[in-house]
Amino acid sequence: MDFELTTDQQMLADGLERLLAERYDFEHRKAQLFGNPGWSRDMWSRYAEMGLLGLPFAEADGGLGGGPVETMIVAEAFGRALTLEPYISTVLLAGGCLRLAGTPAQRSQLVPRIADGSELLAFAHVERQARYDLADVTTTAQRHEESTEWTLNGVKSFVLHADTADKLIVSARVAGRQRERSGLALFLVDSNAPGISRRGYVMQDGMRAADVVLSNVRVSDEALVGRAGHALPIIEHVVDCTIAALCAEAVGAMARAHELTVEYLKVRKQFGAPIGSFQALQHRAVDMLVMIEQARSLSMYATMSVEEVDPKARAQAVSAPKAYVGRAGKLVGEQAIQLHGGIGVTEECAVGHYYRRLTMIDILFGDSAHHLAAVAASSDALP
C-alpha cells in the first residue's frame, strides 16, 4: 500500500510543524499550563487561521472536507508538541457528533463558528459508573407531552474541556434500562443554561475537564442531534474516530520523548564518557524506536479503518491499535524517564510530561487491557 502523503497533506504537516516549533516550545506550554484557561487562545486562533478547526467538516457546512489522514497528521503533530488546546473535545468529539448526526440547521450554524475558533464545544457522555461501556447511561431526558420540550437530569463525569465550553452535546436516555443499546439521544445544550453546573479541574497530564450536573435542564426538539433513541451507533463511530486520532497523538508524543532521550544520552557523561556510548543504553533506545514504529503502523491502520461501514469490523480494527499503543506508550515513557535519571520526574523535564499524557491517552475510551479483551472477544466470535 502507498503510505506517502499527498502534496496537500505534506504541506499541512510541514506548516503545522513550523507553527508549533516557532510558537509552542516546552516553556510556552508550562506558562499556559498554570494560567487561565489552561491553554492558549492565541494558538487556538492560529489553528483556526490554518484551517485545522474546520478540517474534518464538509465544505458545504463551512469546513475544509478533510478526512481521517488529515486528522492523523494534526493529532501526531499535537502529540509531539504536547498541546493543551481543546481540539479533541471541540473538533473530534462534539464536532464529530455534529458532523455525523447534526441537522442541516445545526451544522450551518455551528460548523463555521467552530472553524473560525469562536465556538467551543464539549461532549458530555461519560458517567462515573460506566467504566468503558458507552451504552451505560443513567442521565435521563423526559419529553413533555403538552409541549415540544425535554427535561434533562443526570451527572456527567470527566467531560474534556467542559469548563470553558460554550455548548455541550449531552447524551441522555429517553427509553430502556441503564445499559440497553437502544434508547439513547444526543442534545445540544448551552453550557450556561439554567440547571447546569460545572466543576472544572486539571488532570494529571495538564488537560482540563469538568464534572457536569444537569438538574431539570429544559431544551426543545431543535436541540436533538440525530434521532431520539438511536444515538449509540453515532457515539460509537465518533469514539472510534477519536481513538484513531489518539493513537496518532501517542505516536507523536512517543517519537518526541525518544528524540529527547537520545539527545540526553549524547550529552550526559558518566565515567568520563557520554552515557549514550554504553551499549546497554543503546539497546534500550533501539527498543523504544522499534515500539514507536510498530505503533505508527498500527496508528495508520486505525486511521484507514475509521470509515469502515461495518461497525463491528471498525471497532475491532480500532481496538487492536489502541491496545498496543497503550502498552507501548507506557513502556516508552518509562524508558525515557529512567534513561534521564532523577530529573526525568521533575516538572522542568519534558519527558515526564510526555509520560503523563501517554498514560491519559491509554485510559481515554478504554485502556489497553479493555481493548485487548475486545479484540479477543471479537476473534472468538469469528466462524
Protein backbone atom coordinates (compact mmCIF):
# COMPACT_ATOMS: atom_id res chain seq x y z
CA MET A 1 0.00 0.00 0.00
CA ASP A 2 1.08 3.59 -0.65
CA PHE A 3 1.65 5.39 2.64
CA GLU A 4 3.06 8.55 1.04
CA LEU A 5 1.26 11.79 1.82
CA THR A 6 -0.24 13.83 -0.98
CA THR A 7 1.21 17.25 -1.76
CA ASP A 8 -1.58 18.98 0.18
CA GLN A 9 -1.19 16.65 3.15
CA GLN A 10 2.58 17.21 3.23
CA MET A 11 2.02 20.97 3.12
CA LEU A 12 -0.35 20.64 6.08
CA ALA A 13 2.22 18.61 8.04
CA ASP A 14 5.08 21.00 7.23
CA GLY A 15 3.07 24.13 8.01
CA LEU A 16 1.84 22.80 11.34
CA GLU A 17 5.31 21.61 12.28
CA ARG A 18 6.71 25.10 11.63
CA LEU A 19 3.95 26.79 13.61
CA LEU A 20 4.41 24.56 16.65
CA ALA A 21 8.20 24.76 16.50
CA GLU A 22 8.08 28.56 16.49
CA ARG A 23 5.20 29.16 18.90
CA TYR A 24 4.80 26.12 21.14
CA ASP A 25 8.02 25.16 22.88
CA PHE A 26 8.03 23.49 26.28
CA GLU A 27 8.40 26.76 28.19
CA HIS A 28 5.36 28.21 26.41
CA ARG A 29 3.38 25.11 27.34
CA LYS A 30 4.35 25.40 31.01
CA ALA A 31 3.27 29.04 31.06
CA GLN A 32 -0.16 28.08 29.71
CA LEU A 33 -0.46 25.08 32.00
CA PHE A 34 -0.81 27.13 35.16
CA GLY A 35 -2.70 30.06 33.65
CA ASN A 36 -6.31 30.70 32.77
CA PRO A 37 -7.99 28.94 30.94
CA GLY A 38 -5.13 26.42 30.96
CA TRP A 39 -4.43 26.60 27.23
CA SER A 40 -3.56 29.25 24.64
CA ARG A 41 -6.36 31.20 22.99
CA ASP A 42 -3.77 32.76 20.71
CA MET A 43 -2.75 29.32 19.43
CA TRP A 44 -6.41 28.38 19.04
CA SER A 45 -6.83 31.38 16.75
CA ARG A 46 -3.77 30.32 14.79
CA TYR A 47 -5.17 26.81 14.39
CA ALA A 48 -8.32 28.42 13.01
CA GLU A 49 -6.29 30.53 10.58
CA MET A 50 -4.57 27.36 9.31
CA GLY A 51 -7.94 25.67 8.82
CA LEU A 52 -7.28 22.97 11.41
CA LEU A 53 -10.54 23.52 13.29
CA GLY A 54 -12.69 23.12 10.18
CA LEU A 55 -10.61 20.34 8.67
CA PRO A 56 -12.90 17.29 9.23
CA PHE A 57 -16.15 19.03 8.29
CA ALA A 58 -17.76 19.03 4.84
CA GLU A 59 -17.18 22.04 2.65
CA ALA A 60 -20.94 22.51 2.30
CA ASP A 61 -21.14 23.04 6.08
CA GLY A 62 -18.28 25.54 6.20
CA GLY A 63 -15.41 23.11 6.70
CA LEU A 64 -12.50 22.03 4.52
CA GLY A 65 -13.63 18.50 3.68
CA GLY A 66 -10.59 16.75 5.14
CA GLY A 67 -10.54 13.07 6.01
CA PRO A 68 -9.02 10.74 8.63
CA VAL A 69 -5.49 11.11 7.24
CA GLU A 70 -5.55 14.87 7.71
CA THR A 71 -6.82 14.36 11.27
CA MET A 72 -3.98 11.88 11.87
CA ILE A 73 -1.42 14.44 10.69
CA VAL A 74 -2.79 17.09 13.05
CA ALA A 75 -3.05 14.70 16.01
CA GLU A 76 0.51 13.44 15.62
CA ALA A 77 1.86 17.00 15.45
CA PHE A 78 -0.13 17.94 18.56
CA GLY A 79 1.30 14.88 20.31
CA ARG A 80 4.87 15.94 19.51
CA ALA A 81 4.21 19.46 20.83
CA LEU A 82 2.17 18.24 23.81
CA THR A 83 -0.55 20.81 23.11
CA LEU A 84 -3.21 21.69 25.67
CA GLU A 85 -5.94 23.19 23.46
CA PRO A 86 -9.46 21.64 23.29
CA TYR A 87 -9.09 20.11 19.82
CA ILE A 88 -10.29 16.65 20.82
CA SER A 89 -13.35 17.91 22.69
CA THR A 90 -14.47 20.58 20.21
CA VAL A 91 -13.48 19.21 16.80
CA LEU A 92 -13.34 15.43 17.20
CA LEU A 93 -15.90 14.54 19.87
CA ALA A 94 -18.66 17.17 19.89
CA GLY A 95 -17.77 18.18 16.34
CA GLY A 96 -17.91 14.55 15.28
CA CYS A 97 -21.45 14.23 16.63
CA LEU A 98 -22.47 17.28 14.62
CA ARG A 99 -20.70 16.01 11.52
CA LEU A 100 -22.35 12.58 11.61
CA ALA A 101 -25.80 13.36 13.03
CA GLY A 102 -26.41 17.10 13.22
CA THR A 103 -29.32 18.64 11.35
CA PRO A 104 -28.53 20.97 8.42
CA ALA A 105 -29.57 23.91 10.59
CA GLN A 106 -27.25 22.84 13.44
CA ARG A 107 -24.32 22.29 11.10
CA SER A 108 -24.80 25.56 9.21
CA GLN A 109 -24.99 27.46 12.50
CA LEU A 110 -22.14 25.81 14.41
CA VAL A 111 -19.56 24.47 11.96
CA PRO A 112 -18.46 27.91 10.70
CA ARG A 113 -18.14 29.10 14.29
CA ILE A 114 -16.11 26.02 15.22
CA ALA A 115 -13.93 26.53 12.17
CA ASP A 116 -13.16 30.18 12.98
CA GLY A 117 -12.45 29.38 16.63
CA SER A 118 -15.30 31.39 18.11
CA GLU A 119 -17.32 28.42 19.46
CA LEU A 120 -16.05 25.80 21.89
CA LEU A 121 -17.93 22.54 22.42
CA ALA A 122 -17.63 19.55 24.74
CA PHE A 123 -19.09 16.06 24.60
CA ALA A 124 -20.78 15.14 27.90
CA HIS A 125 -21.24 11.39 27.76
CA VAL A 126 -19.12 9.50 30.29
CA GLU A 127 -20.68 8.70 33.67
CA ARG A 128 -18.93 7.56 36.82
CA GLN A 129 -20.42 4.05 36.91
CA ALA A 130 -19.98 3.32 33.20
CA ARG A 131 -16.28 2.49 33.11
CA TYR A 132 -15.74 1.96 29.34
CA ASP A 133 -19.28 0.87 28.42
CA LEU A 134 -20.60 3.51 26.01
CA ALA A 135 -24.17 2.24 26.43
CA ASP A 136 -24.16 2.68 30.21
CA VAL A 137 -26.07 5.96 30.64
CA THR A 138 -28.33 6.92 33.55
CA THR A 139 -28.88 10.57 32.61
CA THR A 140 -32.50 10.88 31.52
CA ALA A 141 -34.41 13.01 29.04
CA GLN A 142 -38.17 13.17 29.50
CA ARG A 143 -40.39 14.70 26.85
CA HIS A 144 -43.35 16.81 27.87
CA GLU A 145 -46.45 15.62 26.09
CA GLU A 146 -48.06 19.06 26.20
CA SER A 147 -45.08 20.76 24.53
CA THR A 148 -42.03 20.17 22.36
CA GLU A 149 -39.62 20.37 25.29
CA TRP A 150 -37.41 17.84 27.06
CA THR A 151 -36.12 17.87 30.63
CA LEU A 152 -32.59 16.54 31.25
CA ASN A 153 -31.41 15.21 34.62
CA GLY A 154 -28.15 13.48 35.46
CA VAL A 155 -24.43 13.79 36.12
CA LYS A 156 -21.61 13.54 33.59
CA SER A 157 -18.01 12.96 34.66
CA PHE A 158 -14.63 13.58 33.05
CA VAL A 159 -16.03 15.86 30.35
CA LEU A 160 -12.96 17.11 28.47
CA HIS A 161 -12.68 20.93 28.46
CA ALA A 162 -16.28 21.36 29.61
CA ASP A 163 -15.15 24.13 31.96
CA THR A 164 -14.57 26.50 29.01
CA ALA A 165 -17.10 25.12 26.51
CA ASP A 166 -19.83 27.37 25.11
CA LYS A 167 -22.10 24.44 24.31
CA LEU A 168 -22.38 20.81 25.36
CA ILE A 169 -23.58 17.81 23.45
CA VAL A 170 -25.18 15.67 26.15
CA SER A 171 -26.16 12.01 25.88
CA ALA A 172 -29.30 11.00 27.75
CA ARG A 173 -31.59 8.01 27.96
CA VAL A 174 -35.07 8.50 26.53
CA ALA A 175 -36.08 4.84 26.88
CA GLY A 176 -34.85 1.48 28.15
CA ARG A 177 -32.74 0.32 31.04
CA GLN A 178 -29.32 1.58 32.09
CA ARG A 179 -27.15 -0.48 29.74
CA GLU A 180 -29.51 -1.05 26.83
CA ARG A 181 -28.05 -0.23 23.44
CA SER A 182 -31.25 1.40 22.28
CA GLY A 183 -32.93 4.41 23.86
CA LEU A 184 -30.12 6.99 23.82
CA ALA A 185 -30.33 10.50 22.39
CA LEU A 186 -27.98 13.46 21.97
CA PHE A 187 -28.92 17.03 22.88
CA LEU A 188 -27.19 20.30 22.07
CA VAL A 189 -27.29 22.41 25.24
CA ASP A 190 -25.98 25.84 26.12
CA SER A 191 -23.36 25.34 28.84
CA ASN A 192 -24.79 28.27 30.84
CA ALA A 193 -28.41 27.12 30.61
CA PRO A 194 -30.42 27.16 33.85
CA GLY A 195 -29.92 23.93 35.77
CA ILE A 196 -26.35 23.23 34.56
CA SER A 197 -23.42 23.39 36.94
CA ARG A 198 -19.81 22.58 36.10
CA ARG A 199 -16.88 21.76 38.38
CA GLY A 200 -13.63 22.12 36.46
CA TYR A 201 -10.29 20.55 37.36
CA VAL A 202 -6.85 19.80 35.95
CA MET A 203 -6.00 16.21 35.04
CA GLN A 204 -2.60 14.64 35.63
CA ASP A 205 -1.43 15.46 32.11
CA GLY A 206 -2.36 19.14 32.40
CA MET A 207 -5.52 18.92 30.29
CA ARG A 208 -8.74 20.37 31.71
CA ALA A 209 -12.00 18.54 32.35
CA ALA A 210 -15.15 19.04 34.39
CA ASP A 211 -17.99 17.20 36.06
CA VAL A 212 -21.33 18.43 34.75
CA VAL A 213 -24.57 18.27 36.73
CA LEU A 214 -27.88 18.66 34.89
CA SER A 215 -30.85 19.46 37.08
CA ASN A 216 -34.17 19.90 35.26
CA VAL A 217 -32.49 21.41 32.21
CA ARG A 218 -35.14 22.19 29.61
CA VAL A 219 -34.39 22.01 25.87
CA SER A 220 -36.57 22.00 22.77
CA ASP A 221 -36.87 19.46 19.95
CA GLU A 222 -34.45 21.62 17.94
CA ALA A 223 -31.74 20.61 20.41
CA LEU A 224 -31.87 16.96 19.32
CA VAL A 225 -28.77 15.83 17.44
CA GLY A 226 -29.92 12.92 15.31
CA ARG A 227 -32.89 10.66 16.07
CA ALA A 228 -34.05 10.21 19.65
CA GLY A 229 -33.38 6.67 20.82
CA HIS A 230 -30.81 5.86 18.11
CA ALA A 231 -27.71 7.74 19.25
CA LEU A 232 -25.42 4.87 20.30
CA PRO A 233 -24.15 3.99 16.79
CA ILE A 234 -23.25 7.66 16.31
CA ILE A 235 -21.47 7.78 19.67
CA GLU A 236 -19.52 4.61 18.86
CA HIS A 237 -18.46 5.94 15.46
CA VAL A 238 -17.33 9.25 16.94
CA VAL A 239 -15.36 7.46 19.66
CA ASP A 240 -13.72 5.15 17.10
CA CYS A 241 -12.60 8.19 15.07
CA THR A 242 -11.28 9.83 18.24
CA ILE A 243 -9.39 6.69 19.28
CA ALA A 244 -7.64 6.64 15.90
CA ALA A 245 -6.61 10.26 16.45
CA LEU A 246 -5.43 9.47 19.99
CA CYS A 247 -3.24 6.67 18.62
CA ALA A 248 -1.65 9.18 16.24
CA GLU A 249 -1.18 11.66 19.08
CA ALA A 250 0.52 8.96 21.14
CA VAL A 251 2.89 8.20 18.27
CA GLY A 252 3.87 11.88 18.10
CA ALA A 253 4.39 12.02 21.86
CA MET A 254 6.45 8.82 21.92
CA ALA A 255 8.60 9.95 18.99
CA ARG A 256 9.41 13.26 20.67
CA ALA A 257 10.13 11.59 24.03
CA HIS A 258 12.50 9.24 22.23
CA GLU A 259 14.26 12.15 20.48
CA LEU A 260 14.71 13.98 23.78
CA THR A 261 16.09 10.83 25.38
CA VAL A 262 18.62 10.20 22.60
CA GLU A 263 19.74 13.83 22.80
CA TYR A 264 20.23 13.47 26.56
CA LEU A 265 22.24 10.25 26.15
CA LYS A 266 24.65 12.15 23.91
CA VAL A 267 25.38 14.95 26.41
CA ARG A 268 25.11 13.25 29.83
CA LYS A 269 28.51 11.96 30.88
CA GLN A 270 29.47 9.27 33.33
CA PHE A 271 32.92 7.74 33.91
CA GLY A 272 34.27 10.38 31.51
CA ALA A 273 32.14 9.32 28.53
CA PRO A 274 28.65 10.11 27.20
CA ILE A 275 26.24 7.50 28.55
CA GLY A 276 24.98 7.06 25.01
CA SER A 277 28.24 5.25 24.23
CA PHE A 278 27.23 2.41 26.57
CA GLN A 279 25.88 -0.49 24.54
CA ALA A 280 23.21 -1.46 27.05
CA LEU A 281 21.64 2.01 26.86
CA GLN A 282 21.88 2.00 23.07
CA HIS A 283 19.88 -1.25 23.02
CA ARG A 284 17.19 0.30 25.18
CA ALA A 285 16.94 3.33 22.88
CA VAL A 286 16.61 0.99 19.89
CA ASP A 287 13.87 -1.00 21.66
CA MET A 288 11.98 2.27 22.16
CA LEU A 289 12.32 3.09 18.46
CA VAL A 290 11.03 -0.33 17.42
CA MET A 291 7.94 0.06 19.60
CA ILE A 292 7.30 3.54 18.20
CA GLU A 293 7.48 2.32 14.59
CA GLN A 294 5.13 -0.56 15.35
CA ALA A 295 2.73 1.89 16.99
CA ARG A 296 2.99 4.17 13.95
CA SER A 297 1.99 1.33 11.61
CA LEU A 298 -0.98 0.42 13.79
CA SER A 299 -1.99 4.08 14.03
CA MET A 300 -2.10 4.23 10.23
CA TYR A 301 -4.20 1.06 10.21
CA ALA A 302 -6.66 2.62 12.65
CA THR A 303 -6.82 5.76 10.52
CA MET A 304 -7.62 3.77 7.40
CA SER A 305 -10.31 1.81 9.24
CA VAL A 306 -12.45 4.57 10.77
CA GLU A 307 -14.57 4.90 7.63
CA GLU A 308 -15.39 1.19 7.64
CA VAL A 309 -19.15 0.77 7.17
CA ASP A 310 -19.47 -2.34 9.35
CA PRO A 311 -19.35 -1.05 12.96
CA LYS A 312 -18.08 -4.37 14.35
CA ALA A 313 -15.22 -4.52 11.86
CA ARG A 314 -14.41 -0.87 12.55
CA ALA A 315 -14.39 -1.38 16.31
CA GLN A 316 -12.08 -4.39 16.03
CA ALA A 317 -9.75 -2.52 13.67
CA VAL A 318 -9.51 0.38 16.15
CA SER A 319 -9.24 -1.73 19.31
CA ALA A 320 -6.10 -3.57 18.20
CA PRO A 321 -4.04 -0.39 17.69
CA LYS A 322 -5.40 1.16 20.92
CA ALA A 323 -4.38 -1.94 22.87
CA TYR A 324 -0.82 -1.87 21.52
CA VAL A 325 -0.36 1.90 21.65
CA GLY A 326 -1.41 1.97 25.30
CA ARG A 327 1.23 -0.56 26.25
CA ALA A 328 3.90 0.94 24.01
CA GLY A 329 3.28 4.42 25.40
CA LYS A 330 3.75 3.16 28.93
CA LEU A 331 6.98 1.34 28.11
CA VAL A 332 8.47 4.15 26.01
CA GLY A 333 7.57 6.72 28.66
CA GLU A 334 9.07 4.64 31.45
CA GLN A 335 12.28 4.10 29.49
CA ALA A 336 12.55 7.81 28.69
CA ILE A 337 12.23 8.73 32.36
CA GLN A 338 14.63 6.04 33.55
CA LEU A 339 17.31 6.96 30.99
CA HIS A 340 17.04 10.58 32.12
CA GLY A 341 17.61 9.54 35.71
CA GLY A 342 16.18 11.53 38.62
CA ILE A 343 15.48 14.65 36.56
CA GLY A 344 13.01 12.69 34.42
CA VAL A 345 10.26 13.04 37.01
CA THR A 346 10.70 16.76 37.66
CA GLU A 347 8.37 19.46 36.36
CA GLU A 348 11.28 21.05 34.50
CA CYS A 349 11.94 17.94 32.39
CA ALA A 350 9.70 17.41 29.36
CA VAL A 351 9.79 13.61 29.24
CA GLY A 352 7.80 13.33 32.46
CA HIS A 353 5.03 15.42 30.91
CA TYR A 354 5.03 13.23 27.82
CA TYR A 355 4.71 10.15 30.01
CA ARG A 356 1.72 11.64 31.84
CA ARG A 357 -0.03 12.41 28.56
CA LEU A 358 0.66 8.89 27.27
CA THR A 359 -0.88 7.37 30.39
CA MET A 360 -4.00 9.50 29.91
CA ILE A 361 -4.25 8.52 26.24
CA ASP A 362 -4.17 4.89 27.36
CA ILE A 363 -7.09 5.48 29.75
CA LEU A 364 -9.28 7.51 27.39
CA PHE A 365 -12.10 5.40 25.90
CA GLY A 366 -10.68 2.12 27.12
CA ASP A 367 -7.22 1.18 28.33
CA SER A 368 -5.00 -1.43 26.68
CA ALA A 369 -6.45 -4.30 28.75
CA HIS A 370 -10.01 -3.33 27.79
CA HIS A 371 -9.25 -3.18 24.08
CA LEU A 372 -7.18 -6.36 24.16
CA ALA A 373 -10.18 -8.14 25.66
CA ALA A 374 -12.40 -6.60 22.95
CA VAL A 375 -10.10 -7.93 20.21
CA ALA A 376 -10.06 -11.36 21.82
CA ALA A 377 -13.86 -11.41 22.13
CA SER A 378 -14.36 -10.40 18.50
CA SER A 379 -11.85 -13.02 17.37
CA ASP A 380 -13.66 -15.73 19.34
CA ALA A 381 -16.90 -14.75 17.57
CA LEU A 382 -15.44 -15.41 14.12
CA PRO A 383 -16.69 -18.57 12.36
